[in-house]
Amino acid sequence: MSPKNNKTKTREEILEQKRLTERLRYERLKKDPKKKEELREKVRRKYQIKKEKDTRKLVKDMNRREHNAVKKNWKEYCTTYRAKKKALQEVTNTFIRENTPDSECLVAVSPTPARSSIYSIINMRKSRAKKKRERIIREKDRKINHYKKKLEKYRKRLQRLEKANMKNIVDTPKTKLQKMCDVPETRKEVVKKAIFG
């Protein structure tokens, strides 16, 4: 009589089996509308009880340390979930590749309609964003040119006013001295005369 294979399952294997069983049970419940609604109500009640007992907090009610801890747990959960999803996808692809006849290889390799539609949506969003950026740049250029023209107009007006004022000023010893000080060539002479007489 051959000995029985009493290979014990590890804790991870047991947990994985439980999760799989629970997932299948949820899938069966979701197919029945009545049971699906009962499940939703049960989840809502559990959430409300946790909220009342302060075991489940909203982000706005958390302090920084609690928020960081939740974020860390969520990142770990997401990383594990993505890794499992990727592994499952690789297993599925391998199975399809190994069990697909050669005549259908081209069909298997070609992108699925869902993926191509996703790419088209992404390209459309990129195109819209590009057009928006170009429109903003054009509007800024238009404003810059407008203000440049205004600045030039006021600069010329100021020059005309200064010239008109210069014509109206009568030359006095003070104004002559001021003019001499404004010119670099004569400024030294004015300073020497002021100091040495």
C-alpha atoms as a PDB file:
ATOM      1  CA  MET A   1       0.000   0.000   0.000  1.00  0.00           C
ATOM      2  CA  SER A   2       1.461   3.299  -1.100  1.00  0.00           C
ATOM      3  CA  PRO A   3       1.763   6.045   1.517  1.00  0.00           C
ATOM      4  CA  LYS A   4      -0.692   8.933   1.313  1.00  0.00           C
ATOM      5  CA  ASN A   5       0.562  12.258   0.019  1.00  0.00           C
ATOM      6  CA  ASN A   6      -0.070  14.448   3.062  1.00  0.00           C
ATOM      7  CA  LYS A   7       1.532  17.557   1.620  1.00  0.00           C
ATOM      8  CA  THR A   8       0.310  20.475   3.730  1.00  0.00           C
ATOM      9  CA  LYS A   9      -0.554  23.740   2.044  1.00  0.00           C
ATOM     10  CA  THR A  10       1.305  26.882   3.005  1.00  0.00           C
ATOM     11  CA  ARG A  11      -0.477  29.856   4.543  1.00  0.00           C
ATOM     12  CA  GLU A  12      -0.203  31.815   1.271  1.00  0.00           C
ATOM     13  CA  GLU A  13      -1.751  28.953  -0.706  1.00  0.00           C
ATOM     14  CA  ILE A  14      -4.653  28.683   1.758  1.00  0.00           C
ATOM     15  CA  LEU A  15      -5.267  32.448   1.591  1.00  0.00           C
ATOM     16  CA  GLU A  16      -5.093  32.411  -2.203  1.00  0.00           C
ATOM     17  CA  GLN A  17      -7.599  29.526  -2.301  1.00  0.00           C
ATOM     18  CA  LYS A  18      -9.941  31.445   0.021  1.00  0.00           C
ATOM     19  CA  ARG A  19      -9.657  34.577  -2.103  1.00  0.00           C
ATOM     20  CA  LEU A  20     -10.388  32.622  -5.267  1.00  0.00           C
ATOM     21  CA  THR A  21     -13.424  30.932  -3.684  1.00  0.00           C
ATOM     22  CA  GLU A  22     -14.714  34.292  -2.428  1.00  0.00           C
ATOM     23  CA  ARG A  23     -14.177  35.881  -5.841  1.00  0.00           C
ATOM     24  CA  LEU A  24     -16.144  33.089  -7.545  1.00  0.00           C
ATOM     25  CA  ARG A  25     -18.934  33.466  -4.975  1.00  0.00           C
ATOM     26  CA  TYR A  26     -19.076  37.223  -5.665  1.00  0.00           C
ATOM     27  CA  GLU A  27     -19.229  36.571  -9.407  1.00  0.00           C
ATOM     28  CA  ARG A  28     -22.199  34.224  -8.903  1.00  0.00           C
ATOM     29  CA  LEU A  29     -23.934  36.789  -6.690  1.00  0.00           C
ATOM     30  CA  LYS A  30     -23.415  39.579  -9.240  1.00  0.00           C
ATOM     31  CA  LYS A  31     -25.200  37.570 -11.927  1.00  0.00           C
ATOM     32  CA  ASP A  32     -28.407  37.554  -9.862  1.00  0.00           C
ATOM     33  CA  PRO A  33     -29.816  41.162  -9.662  1.00  0.00           C
ATOM     34  CA  LYS A  34     -31.618  40.540  -6.361  1.00  0.00           C
ATOM     35  CA  LYS A  35     -28.585  39.018  -4.646  1.00  0.00           C
ATOM     36  CA  LYS A  36     -26.389  41.731  -6.153  1.00  0.00           C
ATOM     37  CA  GLU A  37     -28.537  44.432  -4.511  1.00  0.00           C
ATOM     38  CA  GLU A  38     -28.467  42.537  -1.188  1.00  0.00           C
ATOM     39  CA  LEU A  39     -24.677  42.341  -1.418  1.00  0.00           C
ATOM     40  CA  ARG A  40     -24.431  46.101  -2.054  1.00  0.00           C
ATOM     41  CA  GLU A  41     -26.663  46.813   0.929  1.00  0.00           C
ATOM     42  CA  LYS A  42     -24.551  44.533   3.115  1.00  0.00           C
ATOM     43  CA  VAL A  43     -21.349  46.322   2.020  1.00  0.00           C
ATOM     44  CA  ARG A  44     -22.962  49.719   2.746  1.00  0.00           C
ATOM     45  CA  ARG A  45     -24.014  48.589   6.251  1.00  0.00           C
ATOM     46  CA  LYS A  46     -20.527  47.267   7.006  1.00  0.00           C
ATOM     47  CA  TYR A  47     -19.023  50.563   5.844  1.00  0.00           C
ATOM     48  CA  GLN A  48     -21.415  52.608   8.000  1.00  0.00           C
ATOM     49  CA  ILE A  49     -20.638  50.460  11.076  1.00  0.00           C
ATOM     50  CA  LYS A  50     -16.884  50.908  10.520  1.00  0.00           C
ATOM     51  CA  LYS A  51     -17.401  54.647  10.045  1.00  0.00           C
ATOM     52  CA  GLU A  52     -19.390  54.932  13.287  1.00  0.00           C
ATOM     53  CA  LYS A  53     -16.718  52.992  15.197  1.00  0.00           C
ATOM     54  CA  ASP A  54     -13.981  55.225  13.687  1.00  0.00           C
ATOM     55  CA  THR A  55     -12.225  52.201  12.183  1.00  0.00           C
ATOM     56  CA  ARG A  56     -12.800  53.620   8.704  1.00  0.00           C
ATOM     57  CA  LYS A  57     -11.896  57.284   8.190  1.00  0.00           C
ATOM     58  CA  LEU A  58     -12.275  59.625   5.259  1.00  0.00           C
ATOM     59  CA  VAL A  59      -9.114  61.194   3.867  1.00  0.00           C
ATOM     60  CA  LYS A  60     -10.176  64.640   5.104  1.00  0.00           C
ATOM     61  CA  ASP A  61     -10.483  63.272   8.687  1.00  0.00           C
ATOM     62  CA  MET A  62      -7.010  61.678   8.715  1.00  0.00           C
ATOM     63  CA  ASN A  63      -3.862  63.267  10.072  1.00  0.00           C
ATOM     64  CA  ARG A  64      -0.653  63.227   8.022  1.00  0.00           C
ATOM     65  CA  ARG A  65       0.719  60.021   9.586  1.00  0.00           C
ATOM     66  CA  GLU A  66      -2.517  58.067   9.017  1.00  0.00           C
ATOM     67  CA  HIS A  67      -2.774  59.352   5.461  1.00  0.00           C
ATOM     68  CA  ASN A  68       0.824  58.312   4.693  1.00  0.00           C
ATOM     69  CA  ALA A  69       0.210  54.844   6.167  1.00  0.00           C
ATOM     70  CA  VAL A  70      -2.937  54.368   4.071  1.00  0.00           C
ATOM     71  CA  LYS A  71      -1.099  55.595   0.970  1.00  0.00           C
ATOM     72  CA  LYS A  72       1.744  53.150   1.608  1.00  0.00           C
ATOM     73  CA  ASN A  73      -0.685  50.220   2.031  1.00  0.00           C
ATOM     74  CA  TRP A  74      -2.559  51.261  -1.099  1.00  0.00           C
ATOM     75  CA  LYS A  75       0.664  51.423  -3.140  1.00  0.00           C
ATOM     76  CA  GLU A  76       1.667  47.949  -1.947  1.00  0.00           C
ATOM     77  CA  TYR A  77      -1.795  46.623  -2.772  1.00  0.00           C
ATOM     78  CA  CYS A  78      -1.717  48.210  -6.245  1.00  0.00           C
ATOM     79  CA  THR A  79       1.770  46.836  -6.952  1.00  0.00           C
ATOM     80  CA  THR A  80       0.684  43.315  -5.953  1.00  0.00           C
ATOM     81  CA  TYR A  81      -2.533  43.618  -7.956  1.00  0.00           C
ATOM     82  CA  ARG A  82      -0.715  44.811 -11.085  1.00  0.00           C
ATOM     83  CA  ALA A  83       1.904  42.061 -10.768  1.00  0.00           C
ATOM     84  CA  LYS A  84      -0.818  39.400 -10.487  1.00  0.00           C
ATOM     85  CA  LYS A  85      -2.725  40.890 -13.404  1.00  0.00           C
ATOM     86  CA  LYS A  86       0.428  40.965 -15.528  1.00  0.00           C
ATOM     87  CA  ALA A  87       1.263  37.353 -14.631  1.00  0.00           C
ATOM     88  CA  LEU A  88      -2.285  36.262 -15.492  1.00  0.00           C
ATOM     89  CA  GLN A  89      -2.104  38.129 -18.808  1.00  0.00           C
ATOM     90  CA  GLU A  90       1.225  36.464 -19.635  1.00  0.00           C
ATOM     91  CA  VAL A  91      -0.195  33.013 -18.825  1.00  0.00           C
ATOM     92  CA  THR A  92      -3.256  33.734 -20.984  1.00  0.00           C
ATOM     93  CA  ASN A  93      -1.115  34.988 -23.877  1.00  0.00           C
ATOM     94  CA  THR A  94       1.149  31.925 -23.637  1.00  0.00           C
ATOM     95  CA  PHE A  95      -1.853  29.613 -23.635  1.00  0.00           C
ATOM     96  CA  ILE A  96      -3.400  31.370 -26.658  1.00  0.00           C
ATOM     97  CA  ARG A  97      -0.075  31.393 -28.506  1.00  0.00           C
ATOM     98  CA  GLU A  98       0.513  27.683 -27.879  1.00  0.00           C
ATOM     99  CA  ASN A  99      -3.039  26.668 -28.820  1.00  0.00           C
ATOM    100  CA  THR A 100      -3.541  28.907 -31.856  1.00  0.00           C
ATOM    101  CA  PRO A 101      -3.033  27.358 -35.331  1.00  0.00           C
ATOM    102  CA  ASP A 102      -0.415  28.893 -37.635  1.00  0.00           C
ATOM    103  CA  SER A 103      -3.057  30.133 -40.081  1.00  0.00           C
ATOM    104  CA  GLU A 104      -4.535  32.364 -37.374  1.00  0.00           C
ATOM    105  CA  CYS A 105      -1.235  33.786 -36.072  1.00  0.00           C
ATOM    106  CA  LEU A 106      -1.648  37.043 -37.965  1.00  0.00           C
ATOM    107  CA  VAL A 107      -5.112  37.532 -36.494  1.00  0.00           C
ATOM    108  CA  ALA A 108      -3.779  36.888 -32.969  1.00  0.00           C
ATOM    109  CA  VAL A 109      -0.893  39.339 -33.398  1.00  0.00           C
ATOM    110  CA  SER A 110      -3.012  42.141 -34.850  1.00  0.00           C
ATOM    111  CA  PRO A 111      -4.266  44.673 -32.286  1.00  0.00           C
ATOM    112  CA  THR A 112      -7.745  44.167 -30.904  1.00  0.00           C
ATOM    113  CA  PRO A 113     -10.475  46.708 -31.738  1.00  0.00           C
ATOM    114  CA  ALA A 114     -10.661  47.750 -28.083  1.00  0.00           C
ATOM    115  CA  ARG A 115      -6.942  48.558 -27.982  1.00  0.00           C
ATOM    116  CA  SER A 116      -7.078  50.446 -31.291  1.00  0.00           C
ATOM    117  CA  SER A 117     -10.050  52.461 -30.024  1.00  0.00           C
ATOM    118  CA  ILE A 118      -8.060  53.320 -26.868  1.00  0.00           C
ATOM    119  CA  TYR A 119      -5.152  54.496 -29.042  1.00  0.00           C
ATOM    120  CA  SER A 120      -7.516  56.626 -31.134  1.00  0.00           C
ATOM    121  CA  ILE A 121      -8.933  58.240 -27.963  1.00  0.00           C
ATOM    122  CA  ILE A 122      -5.399  58.944 -26.677  1.00  0.00           C
ATOM    123  CA  ASN A 123      -4.390  60.480 -30.028  1.00  0.00           C
ATOM    124  CA  MET A 124      -7.548  62.592 -30.082  1.00  0.00           C
ATOM    125  CA  ARG A 125      -6.796  63.919 -26.581  1.00  0.00           C
ATOM    126  CA  LYS A 126      -3.207  64.698 -27.562  1.00  0.00           C
ATOM    127  CA  SER A 127      -4.433  66.546 -30.652  1.00  0.00           C
ATOM    128  CA  ARG A 128      -6.896  68.594 -28.580  1.00  0.00           C
ATOM    129  CA  ALA A 129      -4.213  69.450 -26.017  1.00  0.00           C
ATOM    130  CA  LYS A 130      -1.831  70.528 -28.812  1.00  0.00           C
ATOM    131  CA  LYS A 131      -4.485  72.762 -30.407  1.00  0.00           C
ATOM    132  CA  LYS A 132      -5.242  74.299 -27.014  1.00  0.00           C
ATOM    133  CA  ARG A 133      -1.534  75.045 -26.416  1.00  0.00           C
ATOM    134  CA  GLU A 134      -1.210  76.618 -29.876  1.00  0.00           C
ATOM    135  CA  ARG A 135      -4.308  78.752 -29.256  1.00  0.00           C
ATOM    136  CA  ILE A 136      -2.917  79.981 -25.916  1.00  0.00           C
ATOM    137  CA  ILE A 137       0.452  80.812 -27.531  1.00  0.00           C
ATOM    138  CA  ARG A 138      -1.261  82.721 -30.376  1.00  0.00           C
ATOM    139  CA  GLU A 139      -3.344  84.678 -27.885  1.00  0.00           C
ATOM    140  CA  LYS A 140      -0.233  85.573 -25.846  1.00  0.00           C
ATOM    141  CA  ASP A 141       1.648  86.659 -28.982  1.00  0.00           C
ATOM    142  CA  ARG A 142      -1.297  88.831 -29.990  1.00  0.00           C
ATOM    143  CA  LYS A 143      -1.370  90.505 -26.556  1.00  0.00           C
ATOM    144  CA  ILE A 144       2.415  91.033 -26.587  1.00  0.00           C
ATOM    145  CA  ASN A 145       2.256  92.711 -30.016  1.00  0.00           C
ATOM    146  CA  HIS A 146      -0.689  94.835 -28.894  1.00  0.00           C
ATOM    147  CA  TYR A 147       1.165  96.094 -25.802  1.00  0.00           C
ATOM    148  CA  LYS A 148       4.364  96.651 -27.796  1.00  0.00           C
ATOM    149  CA  LYS A 149       2.463  98.914 -30.205  1.00  0.00           C
ATOM    150  CA  LYS A 150       0.912 100.817 -27.303  1.00  0.00           C
ATOM    151  CA  LEU A 151       4.308 101.204 -25.652  1.00  0.00           C
ATOM    152  CA  GLU A 152       5.834 102.533 -28.879  1.00  0.00           C
ATOM    153  CA  LYS A 153       2.928 104.953 -29.323  1.00  0.00           C
ATOM    154  CA  TYR A 154       3.319 106.377 -25.794  1.00  0.00           C
ATOM    155  CA  ARG A 155       7.110 106.544 -26.151  1.00  0.00           C
ATOM    156  CA  LYS A 156       6.790 108.676 -29.291  1.00  0.00           C
ATOM    157  CA  ARG A 157       4.166 110.855 -27.613  1.00  0.00           C
ATOM    158  CA  LEU A 158       6.510 111.391 -24.652  1.00  0.00           C
ATOM    159  CA  GLN A 159       9.360 112.355 -26.989  1.00  0.00           C
ATOM    160  CA  ARG A 160       7.143 114.918 -28.736  1.00  0.00           C
ATOM    161  CA  LEU A 161       6.068 116.389 -25.399  1.00  0.00           C
ATOM    162  CA  GLU A 162       9.682 116.613 -24.213  1.00  0.00           C
ATOM    163  CA  LYS A 163      10.691 118.406 -27.410  1.00  0.00           C
ATOM    164  CA  ALA A 164       7.775 120.826 -27.064  1.00  0.00           C
ATOM    165  CA  ASN A 165       8.724 121.527 -23.447  1.00  0.00           C
ATOM    166  CA  MET A 166      12.363 122.154 -24.418  1.00  0.00           C
ATOM    167  CA  LYS A 167      11.264 124.736 -26.957  1.00  0.00           C
ATOM    168  CA  ASN A 168       9.112 126.551 -24.414  1.00  0.00           C
ATOM    169  CA  ILE A 169      11.877 126.731 -21.771  1.00  0.00           C
ATOM    170  CA  VAL A 170      13.706 130.085 -21.807  1.00  0.00           C
ATOM    171  CA  ASP A 171      17.489 129.779 -21.432  1.00  0.00           C
ATOM    172  CA  THR A 172      18.538 131.005 -17.989  1.00  0.00           C
ATOM    173  CA  PRO A 173      21.903 130.552 -16.228  1.00  0.00           C
ATOM    174  CA  LYS A 174      20.364 127.658 -14.301  1.00  0.00           C
ATOM    175  CA  THR A 175      19.054 125.869 -17.411  1.00  0.00           C
ATOM    176  CA  LYS A 176      22.358 126.449 -19.221  1.00  0.00           C
ATOM    177  CA  LEU A 177      24.227 124.915 -16.283  1.00  0.00           C
ATOM    178  CA  GLN A 178      21.806 121.985 -16.280  1.00  0.00           C
ATOM    179  CA  LYS A 179      22.394 121.413 -20.005  1.00  0.00           C
ATOM    180  CA  MET A 180      26.157 121.540 -19.488  1.00  0.00           C
ATOM    181  CA  CYS A 181      25.887 118.965 -16.684  1.00  0.00           C
ATOM    182  CA  ASP A 182      23.816 116.684 -18.923  1.00  0.00           C
ATOM    183  CA  VAL A 183      26.586 116.575 -21.552  1.00  0.00           C
ATOM    184  CA  PRO A 184      29.553 114.353 -20.457  1.00  0.00           C
ATOM    185  CA  GLU A 185      32.152 116.491 -22.325  1.00  0.00           C
ATOM    186  CA  THR A 186      31.295 119.702 -20.470  1.00  0.00           C
ATOM    187  CA  ARG A 187      30.446 118.106 -17.116  1.00  0.00           C
ATOM    188  CA  LYS A 188      34.124 117.938 -16.006  1.00  0.00           C
ATOM    189  CA  GLU A 189      34.637 121.638 -16.682  1.00  0.00           C
ATOM    190  CA  VAL A 190      31.554 122.516 -14.632  1.00  0.00           C
ATOM    191  CA  VAL A 191      32.782 120.398 -11.695  1.00  0.00           C
ATOM    192  CA  LYS A 192      36.297 121.988 -11.835  1.00  0.00           C
ATOM    193  CA  LYS A 193      34.859 125.508 -11.869  1.00  0.00           C
ATOM    194  CA  ALA A 194      32.520 124.663  -9.000  1.00  0.00           C
ATOM    195  CA  ILE A 195      35.399 123.296  -6.865  1.00  0.00           C
ATOM    196  CA  PHE A 196      38.315 125.569  -7.778  1.00  0.00           C
ATOM    197  CA  GLY A 197      36.414 128.644  -8.963  1.00  0.00           C
END
